Protein backbone atom coordinates (compact mmCIF):
# COMPACT_ATOMS: atom_id res chain seq x y z
CA MET A 1 33.54 15.14 25.15
CA ALA A 2 35.00 13.44 21.98
CA GLU A 3 35.04 16.71 19.67
CA PRO A 4 32.59 15.27 16.32
CA LEU A 5 30.08 14.23 19.69
CA ALA A 6 30.35 17.96 20.93
CA ASP A 7 30.35 19.10 17.42
CA LEU A 8 26.92 18.02 17.13
CA MET A 9 25.79 18.04 20.77
CA ALA A 10 26.28 21.95 19.61
CA GLU A 11 24.92 21.61 16.66
CA LEU A 12 21.17 19.20 17.91
CA GLU A 13 21.42 22.51 20.67
CA ARG A 14 21.21 24.93 18.00
CA PHE A 15 18.41 22.96 16.40
CA GLY A 16 16.70 22.92 18.38
CA GLN A 17 16.48 26.30 19.57
CA MET A 18 16.09 27.74 16.16
CA ASN A 19 12.60 24.51 15.87
CA ASP A 20 10.74 25.91 18.78
CA ALA A 21 10.90 29.01 17.94
CA ALA A 22 9.40 28.49 14.76
CA THR A 23 5.85 26.49 15.64
CA SER A 24 4.01 26.62 18.59
CA GLU A 25 2.71 22.38 17.60
CA ARG A 26 4.05 20.13 19.91
CA PRO A 27 4.39 17.13 18.18
CA ARG A 28 6.66 19.07 15.79
CA ARG A 29 8.93 20.87 18.61
CA MET A 30 12.05 18.87 19.85
CA LEU A 31 11.11 20.27 23.84
CA ASN A 32 14.79 19.77 25.04
CA ILE A 33 16.46 19.39 28.07
CA THR A 34 19.15 22.71 28.71
CA ARG A 35 22.26 22.08 28.13
CA ASP A 36 23.10 22.49 31.96
CA THR A 37 20.94 19.10 32.38
CA GLY A 38 22.37 17.36 29.47
CA GLU A 39 26.06 17.67 31.67
CA PHE A 40 23.70 17.13 35.51
CA LEU A 41 22.18 14.17 33.80
CA ALA A 42 26.18 13.22 32.34
CA VAL A 43 27.43 13.73 36.07
CA LEU A 44 24.39 11.31 37.59
CA VAL A 45 24.80 8.08 35.46
CA LYS A 46 28.57 8.36 36.46
CA ALA A 47 27.99 8.83 40.15
CA MET A 48 24.70 6.32 40.33
CA ASP A 49 26.99 4.25 38.81
CA ALA A 50 23.76 3.30 36.59
CA LYS A 51 24.47 0.83 33.76
CA ARG A 52 20.59 0.14 32.90
CA VAL A 53 19.24 4.42 32.09
CA LEU A 54 15.89 4.07 30.28
CA GLU A 55 14.47 6.79 29.51
CA ILE A 56 11.23 8.14 28.38
CA GLY A 57 10.69 10.96 25.75
CA THR A 58 13.30 10.57 23.58
CA SER A 59 11.73 12.90 21.33
CA ASN A 60 14.97 14.29 18.64
CA GLY A 61 17.28 12.10 20.56
CA TYR A 62 19.51 15.52 22.25
CA SER A 63 19.03 14.08 25.63
CA THR A 64 19.40 10.54 24.71
CA LEU A 65 22.91 11.12 24.06
CA TRP A 66 23.58 12.91 27.42
CA LEU A 67 22.91 10.15 28.67
CA ALA A 68 24.12 7.33 26.45
CA SER A 69 28.37 9.43 27.03
CA ALA A 70 28.21 8.72 30.02
CA ALA A 71 26.23 5.49 30.00
CA ARG A 72 29.81 4.05 27.64
CA ASP A 73 31.77 5.41 29.56
CA ILE A 74 30.71 3.32 32.38
CA GLY A 75 30.17 0.79 30.11
CA GLY A 76 26.24 0.56 30.54
CA SER A 77 23.57 1.51 28.16
CA VAL A 78 20.76 3.33 27.50
CA THR A 79 17.05 1.85 27.06
CA THR A 80 14.57 4.84 24.60
CA VAL A 81 11.19 5.04 24.41
CA GLU A 82 9.40 7.25 21.84
CA MET A 83 5.67 7.26 20.70
CA ALA A 84 6.19 9.92 17.79
CA GLU A 85 7.11 8.48 14.47
CA LEU A 86 9.14 12.39 12.99
CA LYS A 87 11.15 12.15 16.59
CA VAL A 88 12.26 8.84 15.93
CA GLY A 89 13.30 8.97 12.35
CA MET A 90 15.49 11.67 13.50
CA ALA A 91 16.34 10.61 17.08
CA THR A 92 17.51 7.17 15.20
CA ALA A 93 20.00 8.72 12.25
CA ASN A 94 21.25 11.64 15.37
CA PHE A 95 21.69 8.30 16.96
CA ALA A 96 24.08 6.95 14.31
CA ARG A 97 26.52 9.70 13.63
CA SER A 98 26.85 10.37 16.84
CA GLY A 99 29.24 7.03 17.97
CA LEU A 100 27.08 5.73 20.39
CA GLY A 101 24.85 3.54 18.47
CA ALA A 102 26.14 0.98 20.34
CA GLN A 103 25.09 1.93 23.57
CA ILE A 104 21.28 2.85 23.06
CA SER A 105 17.99 0.79 22.47
CA LEU A 106 15.57 3.14 21.12
CA LEU A 107 11.62 2.30 20.85
CA GLN A 108 8.34 3.31 18.87
CA ASP A 109 6.35 2.57 21.60
CA ASP A 110 3.18 3.33 24.61
CA ALA A 111 5.61 4.27 27.62
CA GLY A 112 3.24 3.08 29.87
CA ARG A 113 2.50 -0.32 28.07
CA LEU A 114 6.74 -0.40 28.60
CA LEU A 115 6.83 0.22 32.28
CA GLU A 116 3.99 -2.96 32.37
CA ARG A 117 6.50 -5.12 30.29
CA SER A 118 9.49 -4.54 32.03
CA ALA A 119 11.34 -5.85 34.87
CA ASP A 120 10.87 -5.84 38.79
CA ALA A 121 14.66 -3.33 39.49
CA SER A 122 15.51 -3.71 35.95
CA TYR A 123 16.12 0.11 36.40
CA ASP A 124 19.57 1.58 38.21
CA LEU A 125 17.84 5.44 36.96
CA VAL A 126 15.86 6.56 35.51
CA PHE A 127 15.19 9.77 33.36
CA LEU A 128 11.31 11.19 32.80
CA ASP A 129 10.33 13.58 30.03
CA SER A 130 7.22 13.06 28.35
CA GLU A 131 3.77 13.59 29.09
CA ARG A 132 3.49 15.56 32.20
CA PRO A 133 -0.85 14.26 32.54
CA GLU A 134 0.60 10.70 32.26
CA TYR A 135 2.91 10.56 35.43
CA PRO A 136 0.49 9.47 38.18
CA GLY A 137 -0.45 6.65 36.41
CA TRP A 138 2.61 5.46 35.83
CA TRP A 139 3.72 5.67 39.47
CA PRO A 140 2.81 1.82 40.60
CA ASP A 141 5.44 1.23 37.46
CA LEU A 142 7.40 3.43 38.52
CA LYS A 143 8.70 2.74 41.42
CA ARG A 144 8.76 -0.74 40.88
CA VAL A 145 10.58 -0.94 38.06
CA LEU A 146 13.54 1.37 40.04
CA ARG A 147 16.19 -1.14 41.52
CA ALA A 148 16.01 -0.80 45.78
CA GLY A 149 18.84 2.75 45.82
CA GLY A 150 17.60 3.43 42.15
CA LEU A 151 17.05 6.93 41.25
CA LEU A 152 14.50 8.51 39.06
CA VAL A 153 15.08 12.11 37.80
CA VAL A 154 12.10 14.93 36.72
CA ASP A 155 12.74 17.32 34.15
CA ASN A 156 9.80 20.28 33.31
CA ALA A 157 9.58 20.55 37.76
CA THR A 158 10.11 24.27 37.68
CA SER A 159 9.52 24.96 34.55
CA HIS A 160 5.51 23.46 33.96
CA PRO A 161 5.12 23.22 38.92
CA GLU A 162 0.86 22.90 37.76
CA GLN A 163 1.46 19.76 35.65
CA MET A 164 3.66 18.78 38.21
CA ALA A 165 2.21 18.61 41.48
CA PRO A 166 -0.21 15.15 41.10
CA PHE A 167 2.62 13.64 40.22
CA VAL A 168 5.05 15.98 42.91
CA ALA A 169 2.51 14.74 45.59
CA LEU A 170 2.50 10.87 44.92
CA VAL A 171 6.27 10.88 45.28
CA GLU A 172 6.81 12.87 47.69
CA ALA A 173 4.14 11.12 50.12
CA ASP A 174 5.85 7.92 49.26
CA PRO A 175 7.18 6.01 52.47
CA ASP A 176 10.48 4.35 50.03
CA PHE A 177 11.24 7.46 48.46
CA THR A 178 13.68 10.41 49.62
CA THR A 179 12.51 13.42 47.02
CA CYS A 180 14.75 16.96 45.91
CA LEU A 181 14.28 19.44 43.62
CA VAL A 182 17.62 20.71 41.75
CA PRO A 183 16.79 23.82 40.30
CA VAL A 184 19.41 23.30 37.06
CA GLY A 185 17.89 23.91 33.22
CA ASN A 186 13.86 24.42 33.51
CA GLY A 187 14.05 22.12 36.72
CA GLU A 188 14.72 17.68 37.87
CA PHE A 189 12.85 16.55 40.46
CA LEU A 190 14.51 14.01 42.08
CA ALA A 191 13.71 10.99 44.17
CA VAL A 192 15.48 7.88 44.98
CA LYS A 193 14.13 5.46 46.33
CA ALA A 194 15.21 3.38 49.89
CA GLY A 195 17.32 0.04 50.25
CA ARG A 196 20.38 -1.03 48.96
CA ARG A 197 22.15 -2.27 45.85
CA ALA A 198 21.33 -6.15 45.80
């Protein structure tokens, strides 16, 4: 990672930690992924040659920058969706500073509506870090928009196991998916869709 981007990432890490320690209001908390989760996501993007990445839950863009930095190296891009106007504004400013703007498409939208509008098999990798109670309702579209052999990564699998349990049960019961839990950061639930890329 180039030094200016690495400096920005370190700045965002510090900001996220200080901000979240100072407020208990969920809409104002950044709730960023951990650095080791970012490194893990970057490796997954490159290992899968995931040129079409969807992130649900942008926050201030910290996780997006990990995904986009890896995507740039393989000629890919990231579409990221966030509803909160405050966070969209922060992410927009961070993306402008990052030098990765060309790799990122930021949408202020409802994730469920975005998924409904997305074409079948339109993403190689989906990173889900949003409103956990919504996940089961999104599942039909999440699995539809993933290509054969595509990967779903879901954050907070060990930090919020009770909230994640209904969704994890749905995915694990689907014969088209192979799953595992990776104890990185707040816990990453991985699900790979059966089949090979066309």
